[in-house]
Amino acid sequence: MSCTPRARPTIDSPRLQSLYAYWNDRRAGRDMPARSDIDPIDIPRLLPNLLLIDVEPGTARMKVRVAGTTVVEMYGSDYTGRYLDEIDFGDRRAAVLFDYNACLESRQPYAAEHSFWTDRGITYRIERLILPLSDDGETVSQLIAGLEFDTVK
């Protein structure tokens, strides 16, 4: 997965391609859409795979506001109300935090791919698309992340 500034990130998942197209449409020529431009009614099939993350002003700390049901099921925990930097992502912690911080700092879409292992001994490939939202057109106030999970054979 890759992403360069002002370019469409490389996205394999049709579901995440759909999320990117929706975000891109909603920004309407701006750098980022506002949260108020995103209506869950428009994207019901994407909701189980989404995270909505608040960025605390002046701190750049990120807190999960909403976690979709597929995300909760796959990670085995509901991270709603938790700060990303306080969640135990195991040996993937640095990579996960890097991805979200890269989107936050660049104010650009960010795509990445990782693997993770469950307590049940199953390995998954995860494709992640992180998209910035801004209430004032300048500062990232929230991130919306789409996650696609595939079993690794």
Protein backbone atom coordinates (compact mmCIF):
# COMPACT_ATOMS: atom_id res chain seq x y z
CA MET A 1 0.00 0.00 0.00
CA SER A 2 1.22 3.48 -0.65
CA CYS A 3 0.06 7.04 -0.62
CA THR A 4 1.67 10.16 -1.96
CA PRO A 5 0.45 13.69 -1.16
CA ARG A 6 -2.37 14.89 -3.40
CA ALA A 7 -2.60 11.49 -5.07
CA ARG A 8 -5.17 8.76 -4.71
CA PRO A 9 -3.77 6.13 -2.38
CA THR A 10 -3.31 2.61 -3.71
CA ILE A 11 -6.30 0.65 -2.43
CA ASP A 12 -6.97 -3.02 -3.20
CA SER A 13 -10.27 -3.52 -1.39
CA PRO A 14 -13.42 -2.59 -3.34
CA ARG A 15 -15.05 -1.63 -0.01
CA LEU A 16 -12.21 0.78 0.80
CA GLN A 17 -12.19 2.10 -2.77
CA SER A 18 -15.86 2.94 -2.23
CA LEU A 19 -15.05 4.71 1.05
CA TYR A 20 -12.33 6.75 -0.65
CA ALA A 21 -14.65 7.72 -3.52
CA TYR A 22 -17.32 8.81 -1.01
CA TRP A 23 -14.81 10.88 1.02
CA ASN A 24 -13.39 12.41 -2.16
CA ASP A 25 -16.87 13.36 -3.38
CA ARG A 26 -17.79 14.88 -0.02
CA ARG A 27 -14.73 17.09 0.15
CA ALA A 28 -16.02 18.90 -2.96
CA GLY A 29 -12.67 20.33 -4.00
CA ARG A 30 -11.54 21.13 -0.45
CA ASP A 31 -8.54 19.49 1.21
CA MET A 32 -10.84 17.60 3.59
CA PRO A 33 -14.57 17.27 4.14
CA ALA A 34 -16.09 18.17 7.50
CA ARG A 35 -17.65 15.51 9.72
CA SER A 36 -21.01 17.09 8.92
CA ASP A 37 -20.43 16.22 5.24
CA ILE A 38 -20.35 12.50 6.09
CA ASP A 39 -23.76 10.89 6.54
CA PRO A 40 -23.82 7.26 7.75
CA ILE A 41 -27.12 6.80 5.90
CA ASP A 42 -25.17 7.15 2.64
CA ILE A 43 -22.73 4.33 3.43
CA PRO A 44 -24.56 1.65 5.44
CA ARG A 45 -22.60 -1.31 4.02
CA LEU A 46 -19.33 0.34 5.06
CA LEU A 47 -20.26 1.07 8.69
CA PRO A 48 -19.25 -2.31 10.19
CA ASN A 49 -15.70 -1.78 8.90
CA LEU A 50 -15.25 1.82 10.05
CA LEU A 51 -13.66 3.64 12.95
CA LEU A 52 -14.43 7.27 13.70
CA ILE A 53 -11.63 8.83 15.69
CA ASP A 54 -11.64 12.23 17.42
CA VAL A 55 -8.44 14.27 17.44
CA GLU A 56 -8.14 16.28 20.62
CA PRO A 57 -7.25 19.91 19.81
CA GLY A 58 -3.78 20.99 20.82
CA THR A 59 -2.67 17.49 21.79
CA ALA A 60 -2.96 15.39 18.62
CA ARG A 61 -4.22 12.55 20.84
CA MET A 62 -6.69 10.33 19.07
CA LYS A 63 -9.70 8.74 20.76
CA VAL A 64 -12.01 6.17 19.20
CA ARG A 65 -15.51 7.65 19.04
CA VAL A 66 -17.16 4.74 17.21
CA ALA A 67 -15.96 1.26 16.22
CA GLY A 68 -17.90 -0.77 13.66
CA THR A 69 -19.12 -4.24 14.52
CA THR A 70 -16.69 -6.03 12.19
CA VAL A 71 -13.76 -4.11 13.67
CA VAL A 72 -14.86 -5.03 17.20
CA GLU A 73 -15.33 -8.69 16.23
CA MET A 74 -11.96 -8.95 14.50
CA TYR A 75 -9.95 -7.30 17.27
CA GLY A 76 -11.96 -9.03 19.98
CA SER A 77 -12.45 -5.75 21.83
CA ASP A 78 -14.48 -2.56 21.51
CA TYR A 79 -12.07 0.37 21.58
CA THR A 80 -14.82 2.98 21.78
CA GLY A 81 -13.80 5.73 24.20
CA ARG A 82 -10.14 4.66 24.29
CA TYR A 83 -7.10 6.59 23.14
CA LEU A 84 -5.12 4.92 20.36
CA ASP A 85 -1.86 5.36 22.26
CA GLU A 86 -3.31 3.42 25.22
CA ILE A 87 -4.54 0.39 23.23
CA ASP A 88 -2.42 -2.76 23.28
CA PHE A 89 -1.77 -3.55 19.62
CA GLY A 90 1.02 -5.94 20.57
CA ASP A 91 4.02 -5.95 18.26
CA ARG A 92 2.04 -3.92 15.71
CA ARG A 93 1.65 -0.92 18.03
CA ALA A 94 4.31 1.28 16.40
CA ALA A 95 3.01 0.56 12.89
CA VAL A 96 -0.62 1.28 13.82
CA LEU A 97 0.24 4.55 15.55
CA PHE A 98 2.51 5.53 12.64
CA ASP A 99 -0.36 5.08 10.16
CA TYR A 100 -2.82 7.27 12.06
CA ASN A 101 -0.19 9.92 12.83
CA ALA A 102 0.91 10.00 9.17
CA CYS A 103 -2.64 10.84 8.09
CA LEU A 104 -3.04 13.38 10.89
CA GLU A 105 0.23 15.17 10.11
CA SER A 106 -0.05 15.11 6.31
CA ARG A 107 -3.77 15.93 6.28
CA GLN A 108 -3.96 13.46 3.37
CA PRO A 109 -5.52 10.04 2.83
CA TYR A 110 -3.26 7.26 4.03
CA ALA A 111 -3.40 3.58 3.06
CA ALA A 112 -1.46 0.74 4.65
CA GLU A 113 -1.40 -3.03 4.90
CA HIS A 114 -0.38 -5.12 7.89
CA SER A 115 -0.86 -8.58 9.35
CA PHE A 116 -2.08 -9.38 12.83
CA TRP A 117 -2.63 -12.52 14.86
CA THR A 118 -5.57 -13.32 17.08
CA ASP A 119 -5.64 -15.20 20.36
CA ARG A 120 -7.29 -18.00 18.38
CA GLY A 121 -4.10 -18.43 16.31
CA ILE A 122 -5.55 -16.96 13.12
CA THR A 123 -3.47 -14.58 11.01
CA TYR A 124 -5.25 -11.80 9.14
CA ARG A 125 -4.10 -9.36 6.51
CA ILE A 126 -5.56 -5.95 7.25
CA GLU A 127 -5.84 -3.18 4.70
CA ARG A 128 -6.42 0.20 6.35
CA LEU A 129 -7.54 3.45 4.73
CA ILE A 130 -7.43 6.53 6.96
CA LEU A 131 -9.11 9.73 5.83
CA PRO A 132 -8.93 13.16 7.50
CA LEU A 133 -11.95 15.30 8.38
CA SER A 134 -11.82 18.99 9.29
CA ASP A 135 -14.42 21.25 10.85
CA ASP A 136 -12.51 24.44 9.98
CA GLY A 137 -10.95 23.39 6.65
CA GLU A 138 -7.42 23.51 8.08
CA THR A 139 -7.06 21.40 11.22
CA VAL A 140 -7.81 17.68 11.27
CA SER A 141 -10.56 17.25 13.85
CA GLN A 142 -11.43 13.63 13.17
CA LEU A 143 -10.23 10.64 11.20
CA ILE A 144 -12.40 8.07 9.54
CA ALA A 145 -10.71 4.73 9.00
CA GLY A 146 -11.90 1.81 6.94
CA LEU A 147 -10.48 -1.63 7.71
CA GLU A 148 -10.66 -4.68 5.46
CA PHE A 149 -9.71 -8.07 6.90
CA ASP A 150 -8.65 -11.16 4.96
CA THR A 151 -7.52 -14.49 6.36
CA VAL A 152 -3.91 -15.35 5.53
CA LYS A 153 -3.59 -18.90 4.32
